PDB file of N, CA and C in Angstrom:
ATOM      1  N   MET A   1      -5.864  14.612  28.017  1.00  0.00           N
ATOM      2  CA  MET A   1      -5.484  13.573  27.393  1.00  0.00           C
ATOM      3  C   MET A   1      -5.114  13.697  26.076  1.00  0.00           C
ATOM      4  N   ASN A   2      -4.231  13.625  25.394  1.00  0.00           N
ATOM      5  CA  ASN A   2      -4.151  13.504  24.216  1.00  0.00           C
ATOM      6  C   ASN A   2      -4.435  12.663  23.385  1.00  0.00           C
ATOM      7  N   VAL A   3      -5.140  12.689  21.737  1.00  0.00           N
ATOM      8  CA  VAL A   3      -5.784  11.262  21.433  1.00  0.00           C
ATOM      9  C   VAL A   3      -5.056  11.474  19.638  1.00  0.00           C
ATOM     10  N   TYR A   4      -4.016  10.912  19.356  1.00  0.00           N
ATOM     11  CA  TYR A   4      -3.285  10.943  18.496  1.00  0.00           C
ATOM     12  C   TYR A   4      -4.574  10.607  16.628  1.00  0.00           C
ATOM     13  N   LEU A   5      -3.440  10.953  15.943  1.00  0.00           N
ATOM     14  CA  LEU A   5      -4.867  11.006  14.764  1.00  0.00           C
ATOM     15  C   LEU A   5      -4.143  10.509  13.670  1.00  0.00           C
ATOM     16  N   THR A   6      -4.052   9.055  12.706  1.00  0.00           N
ATOM     17  CA  THR A   6      -2.867   9.098  12.033  1.00  0.00           C
ATOM     18  C   THR A   6      -4.440   8.318  10.772  1.00  0.00           C
ATOM     19  N   SER A   7      -3.863   8.086  10.037  1.00  0.00           N
ATOM     20  CA  SER A   7      -4.176   7.579   8.465  1.00  0.00           C
ATOM     21  C   SER A   7      -3.491   5.967   8.146  1.00  0.00           C
ATOM     22  N   THR A   8      -4.431   5.193   7.053  1.00  0.00           N
ATOM     23  CA  THR A   8      -3.777   4.443   6.427  1.00  0.00           C
ATOM     24  C   THR A   8      -3.051   5.425   4.771  1.00  0.00           C
ATOM     25  N   PRO A   9      -1.848   4.616   4.667  1.00  0.00           N
ATOM     26  CA  PRO A   9      -1.729   5.688   3.632  1.00  0.00           C
ATOM     27  C   PRO A   9      -1.996   5.620   2.191  1.00  0.00           C
ATOM     28  N   GLU A  10      -3.483   5.271   1.995  1.00  0.00           N
ATOM     29  CA  GLU A  10      -4.224   6.375   0.925  1.00  0.00           C
ATOM     30  C   GLU A  10      -4.949   7.130   1.714  1.00  0.00           C
ATOM     31  N   PHE A  11      -5.127   7.487   2.165  1.00  0.00           N
ATOM     32  CA  PHE A  11      -5.951   8.702   3.054  1.00  0.00           C
ATOM     33  C   PHE A  11      -5.174  10.392   2.968  1.00  0.00           C
ATOM     34  N   SER A  12      -6.263  11.334   2.858  1.00  0.00           N
ATOM     35  CA  SER A  12      -5.392  12.401   2.521  1.00  0.00           C
ATOM     36  C   SER A  12      -4.996  12.553   3.641  1.00  0.00           C
ATOM     37  N   PRO A  13      -3.638  12.797   4.055  1.00  0.00           N
ATOM     38  CA  PRO A  13      -3.293  14.146   4.961  1.00  0.00           C
ATOM     39  C   PRO A  13      -4.384  15.172   5.165  1.00  0.00           C
ATOM     40  N   ASP A  14      -4.595  16.243   3.762  1.00  0.00           N
ATOM     41  CA  ASP A  14      -5.069  16.882   4.108  1.00  0.00           C
ATOM     42  C   ASP A  14      -6.692  16.698   4.544  1.00  0.00           C
ATOM     43  N   VAL A  15      -7.367  15.595   4.962  1.00  0.00           N
ATOM     44  CA  VAL A  15      -8.705  15.606   5.251  1.00  0.00           C
ATOM     45  C   VAL A  15      -8.039  15.040   6.543  1.00  0.00           C
ATOM     46  N   LEU A  16      -6.528  14.342   6.957  1.00  0.00           N
ATOM     47  CA  LEU A  16      -6.632  13.903   8.387  1.00  0.00           C
ATOM     48  C   LEU A  16      -6.904  15.182   9.062  1.00  0.00           C
ATOM     49  N   ASN A  17      -6.079  16.385   8.669  1.00  0.00           N
ATOM     50  CA  ASN A  17      -5.639  17.867   9.244  1.00  0.00           C
ATOM     51  C   ASN A  17      -7.344  18.747   9.285  1.00  0.00           C
ATOM     52  N   GLU A  18      -7.921  18.246   8.817  1.00  0.00           N
ATOM     53  CA  GLU A  18      -9.148  18.845   8.916  1.00  0.00           C
ATOM     54  C   GLU A  18      -9.894  18.321   9.893  1.00  0.00           C
ATOM     55  N   VAL A  19     -10.135  16.788   9.958  1.00  0.00           N
ATOM     56  CA  VAL A  19     -10.703  16.408  10.811  1.00  0.00           C
ATOM     57  C   VAL A  19     -10.203  17.107  12.370  1.00  0.00           C
ATOM     58  N   ALA A  20      -8.909  16.846  12.574  1.00  0.00           N
ATOM     59  CA  ALA A  20      -8.053  17.253  13.610  1.00  0.00           C
ATOM     60  C   ALA A  20      -8.605  18.541  14.157  1.00  0.00           C
ATOM     61  N   LEU A  21      -8.883  19.624  13.235  1.00  0.00           N
ATOM     62  CA  LEU A  21      -9.208  21.066  13.375  1.00  0.00           C
ATOM     63  C   LEU A  21     -10.591  21.209  13.772  1.00  0.00           C
ATOM     64  N   ILE A  22     -11.469  20.001  13.315  1.00  0.00           N
ATOM     65  CA  ILE A  22     -12.892  20.355  13.668  1.00  0.00           C
ATOM     66  C   ILE A  22     -12.870  19.771  14.940  1.00  0.00           C
ATOM     67  N   LEU A  23     -12.416  18.834  15.026  1.00  0.00           N
ATOM     68  CA  LEU A  23     -12.263  17.958  16.385  1.00  0.00           C
ATOM     69  C   LEU A  23     -11.490  18.909  17.472  1.00  0.00           C
ATOM     70  N   GLY A  24     -10.806  19.414  17.446  1.00  0.00           N
ATOM     71  CA  GLY A  24     -10.320  20.191  18.349  1.00  0.00           C
ATOM     72  C   GLY A  24     -10.985  21.457  18.836  1.00  0.00           C
ATOM     73  N   GLN A  25     -12.195  21.659  18.083  1.00  0.00           N
ATOM     74  CA  GLN A  25     -12.903  23.352  18.510  1.00  0.00           C
ATOM     75  C   GLN A  25     -14.154  22.881  19.316  1.00  0.00           C
ATOM     76  N   THR A  26     -13.974  21.620  19.743  1.00  0.00           N
ATOM     77  CA  THR A  26     -15.163  20.980  20.740  1.00  0.00           C
ATOM     78  C   THR A  26     -13.949  21.627  23.033  1.00  0.00           C
ATOM     79  N   GLN A  27     -14.359  22.259  23.403  1.00  0.00           N
ATOM     80  CA  GLN A  27     -14.279  22.646  24.819  1.00  0.00           C
ATOM     81  C   GLN A  27     -14.013  21.253  24.935  1.00  0.00           C
ATOM     82  N   GLY A  28     -12.953  20.855  25.996  1.00  0.00           N
ATOM     83  CA  GLY A  28     -12.318  19.971  27.170  1.00  0.00           C
ATOM     84  C   GLY A  28     -11.641  19.074  27.939  1.00  0.00           C
ATOM     85  N   GLU A  29     -11.618  17.971  27.555  1.00  0.00           N
ATOM     86  CA  GLU A  29     -10.380  17.272  27.799  1.00  0.00           C
ATOM     87  C   GLU A  29      -9.261  17.094  27.420  1.00  0.00           C
ATOM     88  N   LEU A  30     -10.261  16.957  25.695  1.00  0.00           N
ATOM     89  CA  LEU A  30      -9.293  15.684  24.765  1.00  0.00           C
ATOM     90  C   LEU A  30      -8.205  16.469  24.272  1.00  0.00           C
ATOM     91  N   GLU A  31      -7.085  16.534  23.823  1.00  0.00           N
ATOM     92  CA  GLU A  31      -6.545  16.733  23.177  1.00  0.00           C
ATOM     93  C   GLU A  31      -6.239  16.360  21.607  1.00  0.00           C
ATOM     94  N   PHE A  32      -7.176  17.076  20.253  1.00  0.00           N
ATOM     95  CA  PHE A  32      -6.654  16.046  19.598  1.00  0.00           C
ATOM     96  C   PHE A  32      -4.742  16.801  18.515  1.00  0.00           C
ATOM     97  N   ILE A  33      -3.893  14.784  18.222  1.00  0.00           N
ATOM     98  CA  ILE A  33      -2.803  15.538  17.834  1.00  0.00           C
ATOM     99  C   ILE A  33      -2.690  15.251  16.531  1.00  0.00           C
ATOM    100  N   SER A  34      -3.164  15.864  15.348  1.00  0.00           N
ATOM    101  CA  SER A  34      -2.507  15.103  13.765  1.00  0.00           C
ATOM    102  C   SER A  34      -1.279  14.394  13.568  1.00  0.00           C
ATOM    103  N   SER A  35      -1.014  13.728  12.727  1.00  0.00           N
ATOM    104  CA  SER A  35       0.498  13.026  12.303  1.00  0.00           C
ATOM    105  C   SER A  35      -0.046  12.398  10.819  1.00  0.00           C
ATOM    106  N   ASN A  36       1.649  12.069  10.650  1.00  0.00           N
ATOM    107  CA  ASN A  36       1.455  11.780   9.163  1.00  0.00           C
ATOM    108  C   ASN A  36       1.027  10.449   8.688  1.00  0.00           C
ATOM    109  N   PRO A  37       0.199  10.328   7.636  1.00  0.00           N
ATOM    110  CA  PRO A  37      -0.511   8.966   7.668  1.00  0.00           C
ATOM    111  C   PRO A  37       1.219   7.683   7.712  1.00  0.00           C
ATOM    112  N   MET A  38       0.382   6.381   8.437  1.00  0.00           N
ATOM    113  CA  MET A  38       1.743   5.530   7.911  1.00  0.00           C
ATOM    114  C   MET A  38       1.571   5.127   6.818  1.00  0.00           C
ATOM    115  N   THR A  39       3.162   4.984   6.521  1.00  0.00           N
ATOM    116  CA  THR A  39       3.492   4.329   5.176  1.00  0.00           C
ATOM    117  C   THR A  39       3.269   3.242   4.658  1.00  0.00           C
ATOM    118  N   VAL A  40       3.271   2.673   3.835  1.00  0.00           N
ATOM    119  CA  VAL A  40       2.534   1.620   3.255  1.00  0.00           C
ATOM    120  C   VAL A  40       4.008   0.543   4.310  1.00  0.00           C
ATOM    121  N   GLN A  41       4.975   0.511   4.852  1.00  0.00           N
ATOM    122  CA  GLN A  41       5.882  -0.695   5.160  1.00  0.00           C
ATOM    123  C   GLN A  41       5.506  -0.347   6.757  1.00  0.00           C
ATOM    124  N   GLN A  42       5.118   0.536   7.571  1.00  0.00           N
ATOM    125  CA  GLN A  42       4.361   0.791   8.972  1.00  0.00           C
ATOM    126  C   GLN A  42       3.273  -0.176   8.167  1.00  0.00           C
ATOM    127  N   PHE A  43       2.308   0.496   7.813  1.00  0.00           N
ATOM    128  CA  PHE A  43       0.838  -0.776   7.698  1.00  0.00           C
ATOM    129  C   PHE A  43       1.051  -1.990   7.864  1.00  0.00           C
ATOM    130  N   ASN A  44       1.870  -2.351   6.713  1.00  0.00           N
ATOM    131  CA  ASN A  44       2.413  -3.599   6.931  1.00  0.00           C
ATOM    132  C   ASN A  44       3.084  -5.076   7.899  1.00  0.00           C
ATOM    133  N   LEU A  45       3.325  -3.935   9.146  1.00  0.00           N
ATOM    134  CA  LEU A  45       4.183  -4.394  10.288  1.00  0.00           C
ATOM    135  C   LEU A  45       2.575  -5.181  11.073  1.00  0.00           C
ATOM    136  N   SER A  46       1.680  -4.279  11.034  1.00  0.00           N
ATOM    137  CA  SER A  46       0.664  -5.062  11.742  1.00  0.00           C
ATOM    138  C   SER A  46       0.028  -5.535  10.941  1.00  0.00           C
ATOM    139  N   ILE A  47      -0.852  -5.181   9.323  1.00  0.00           N
ATOM    140  CA  ILE A  47      -1.417  -6.034   8.738  1.00  0.00           C
ATOM    141  C   ILE A  47      -0.713  -7.270   7.672  1.00  0.00           C
ATOM    142  N   GLY A  48       0.201  -7.235   7.468  1.00  0.00           N
ATOM    143  CA  GLY A  48       0.745  -8.045   6.987  1.00  0.00           C
ATOM    144  C   GLY A  48       1.119  -7.717   4.855  1.00  0.00           C
ATOM    145  N   GLU A  49       1.638  -8.489   4.644  1.00  0.00           N
ATOM    146  CA  GLU A  49       1.594  -8.330   3.354  1.00  0.00           C
ATOM    147  C   GLU A  49       1.054  -9.478   2.108  1.00  0.00           C
ATOM    148  N   LEU A  50      -0.128  -9.936   2.984  1.00  0.00           N
ATOM    149  CA  LEU A  50      -0.930 -10.393   2.069  1.00  0.00           C
ATOM    150  C   LEU A  50      -1.651 -10.365   1.545  1.00  0.00           C
ATOM    151  N   ASN A  51      -2.017  -9.154   2.319  1.00  0.00           N
ATOM    152  CA  ASN A  51      -3.324  -8.909   1.301  1.00  0.00           C
ATOM    153  C   ASN A  51      -3.082  -7.115   0.826  1.00  0.00           C
ATOM    154  N   PRO A  52      -2.391  -6.626  -0.336  1.00  0.00           N
ATOM    155  CA  PRO A  52      -2.456  -5.043  -0.886  1.00  0.00           C
ATOM    156  C   PRO A  52      -3.826  -4.550   0.102  1.00  0.00           C
ATOM    157  N   ILE A  53      -2.927  -2.779   0.269  1.00  0.00           N
ATOM    158  CA  ILE A  53      -3.379  -2.198   0.178  1.00  0.00           C
ATOM    159  C   ILE A  53      -5.037  -1.454   0.228  1.00  0.00           C
ATOM    160  N   ASP A  54      -4.609  -1.890  -1.853  1.00  0.00           N
ATOM    161  CA  ASP A  54      -5.391  -1.301  -2.148  1.00  0.00           C
ATOM    162  C   ASP A  54      -6.179  -2.306  -2.034  1.00  0.00           C
ATOM    163  N   ALA A  55      -6.810  -3.684  -1.826  1.00  0.00           N
ATOM    164  CA  ALA A  55      -7.347  -4.997  -1.929  1.00  0.00           C
ATOM    165  C   ALA A  55      -8.034  -4.698  -0.067  1.00  0.00           C
ATOM    166  N   ILE A  56      -7.923  -4.104   0.348  1.00  0.00           N
ATOM    167  CA  ILE A  56      -8.411  -4.438   1.692  1.00  0.00           C
ATOM    168  C   ILE A  56      -9.511  -3.245   2.002  1.00  0.00           C
ATOM    169  N   GLU A  57     -10.635  -3.698   2.156  1.00  0.00           N
ATOM    170  CA  GLU A  57     -12.141  -2.537   2.417  1.00  0.00           C
ATOM    171  C   GLU A  57     -12.287  -2.472   3.136  1.00  0.00           C
ATOM    172  N   SER A  58     -12.266  -3.841   3.910  1.00  0.00           N
ATOM    173  CA  SER A  58     -12.191  -2.901   6.189  1.00  0.00           C
ATOM    174  C   SER A  58     -11.211  -3.553   6.931  1.00  0.00           C
ATOM    175  N   LEU A  59     -11.573  -3.079   8.480  1.00  0.00           N
ATOM    176  CA  LEU A  59     -10.550  -4.153   8.958  1.00  0.00           C
ATOM    177  C   LEU A  59     -11.505  -4.965  10.288  1.00  0.00           C
ATOM    178  N   SER A  60     -10.823  -5.938  10.315  1.00  0.00           N
ATOM    179  CA  SER A  60     -11.970  -7.025  11.556  1.00  0.00           C
ATOM    180  C   SER A  60     -11.093  -6.140  12.754  1.00  0.00           C
ATOM    181  N   PHE A  61     -12.127  -6.071  13.926  1.00  0.00           N
ATOM    182  CA  PHE A  61     -12.089  -5.669  15.596  1.00  0.00           C
ATOM    183  C   PHE A  61      -9.932  -4.813  15.399  1.00  0.00           C
ATOM    184  N   ASP A  62      -9.358  -7.034  15.403  1.00  0.00           N
ATOM    185  CA  ASP A  62      -8.328  -7.261  15.955  1.00  0.00           C
ATOM    186  C   ASP A  62      -7.484  -6.855  15.369  1.00  0.00           C
ATOM    187  N   GLU A  63      -7.955  -6.453  14.100  1.00  0.00           N
ATOM    188  CA  GLU A  63      -6.556  -5.758  13.182  1.00  0.00           C
ATOM    189  C   GLU A  63      -6.970  -4.490  13.383  1.00  0.00           C
ATOM    190  N   PHE A  64      -7.456  -3.641  13.344  1.00  0.00           N
ATOM    191  CA  PHE A  64      -7.483  -2.029  13.505  1.00  0.00           C
ATOM    192  C   PHE A  64      -6.870  -2.138  15.186  1.00  0.00           C
ATOM    193  N   PHE A  65      -7.154  -2.791  16.309  1.00  0.00           N
ATOM    194  CA  PHE A  65      -6.151  -2.593  17.208  1.00  0.00           C
ATOM    195  C   PHE A  65      -5.213  -3.203  17.262  1.00  0.00           C
ATOM    196  N   GLY A  66      -4.551  -3.697  16.654  1.00  0.00           N
ATOM    197  CA  GLY A  66      -3.367  -4.533  16.002  1.00  0.00           C
ATOM    198  C   GLY A  66      -2.336  -3.166  15.256  1.00  0.00           C
ATOM    199  N   LEU A  67      -3.409  -2.519  14.545  1.00  0.00           N
ATOM    200  CA  LEU A  67      -2.783  -1.572  13.784  1.00  0.00           C
ATOM    201  C   LEU A  67      -2.496  -0.890  14.454  1.00  0.00           C
ATOM    202  N   CYS A  68      -3.503  -0.161  15.329  1.00  0.00           N
ATOM    203  CA  CYS A  68      -3.301   0.773  16.481  1.00  0.00           C
ATOM    204  C   CYS A  68      -2.109   0.847  17.312  1.00  0.00           C
ATOM    205  N   SER A  69      -1.863  -0.372  17.861  1.00  0.00           N
ATOM    206  CA  SER A  69      -0.472  -1.104  18.444  1.00  0.00           C
ATOM    207  C   SER A  69       0.514  -0.758  17.697  1.00  0.00           C
ATOM    208  N   THR A  70       0.881  -1.310  16.798  1.00  0.00           N
ATOM    209  CA  THR A  70       1.907  -1.317  15.470  1.00  0.00           C
ATOM    210  C   THR A  70       1.789   0.618  15.326  1.00  0.00           C
ATOM    211  N   TYR A  71       0.907   1.353  15.351  1.00  0.00           N
ATOM    212  CA  TYR A  71       1.221   3.202  15.004  1.00  0.00           C
ATOM    213  C   TYR A  71       1.991   3.383  16.615  1.00  0.00           C
ATOM    214  N   ARG A  72       1.236   2.679  17.947  1.00  0.00           N
ATOM    215  CA  ARG A  72       2.233   3.261  19.569  1.00  0.00           C
ATOM    216  C   ARG A  72       3.303   3.017  19.418  1.00  0.00           C
ATOM    217  N   VAL A  73       3.676   1.761  18.728  1.00  0.00           N
ATOM    218  CA  VAL A  73       5.259   1.611  18.964  1.00  0.00           C
ATOM    219  C   VAL A  73       5.808   2.248  18.257  1.00  0.00           C
ATOM    220  N   ILE A  74       6.199   2.735  16.589  1.00  0.00           N
ATOM    221  CA  ILE A  74       6.281   2.911  15.859  1.00  0.00           C
ATOM    222  C   ILE A  74       7.094   4.638  16.736  1.00  0.00           C
ATOM    223  N   LYS A  75       5.058   5.389  16.455  1.00  0.00           N
ATOM    224  CA  LYS A  75       5.542   6.572  17.293  1.00  0.00           C
ATOM    225  C   LYS A  75       6.185   6.649  18.675  1.00  0.00           C
ATOM    226  N   GLU A  76       6.174   5.600  19.866  1.00  0.00           N
ATOM    227  CA  GLU A  76       6.956   5.616  20.735  1.00  0.00           C
ATOM    228  C   GLU A  76       5.871   6.699  21.677  1.00  0.00           C
ATOM    229  N   ILE A  77       4.194   6.100  21.635  1.00  0.00           N
ATOM    230  CA  ILE A  77       3.331   7.226  21.914  1.00  0.00           C
ATOM    231  C   ILE A  77       2.810   6.255  23.041  1.00  0.00           C
ATOM    232  N   PRO A  78       3.122   6.715  24.541  1.00  0.00           N
ATOM    233  CA  PRO A  78       2.837   6.554  25.831  1.00  0.00           C
ATOM    234  C   PRO A  78       1.503   5.759  25.352  1.00  0.00           C
ATOM    235  N   VAL A  79       1.000   3.803  25.805  1.00  0.00           N
ATOM    236  CA  VAL A  79      -0.502   3.233  26.905  1.00  0.00           C
ATOM    237  C   VAL A  79      -0.546   4.641  27.384  1.00  0.00           C
TER     238      VAL A  79
END
């Protein structure tokens, strides 16, 4: 099973790649795939432009899964 890893725009792509490498060292059914962080425009598709990304400290459960759904559509990842 593929697990796609991404991040919000302000997160370091280098750290994301390092996380994917560390997770990938574990033997098993999961394959961790790192991709580019979301752009601000992609992030705003899900969260909205009412809250600047720098002002958001945390996401609600619904916001987080909405963000995941938006990312799957943008990257054409099968559900």
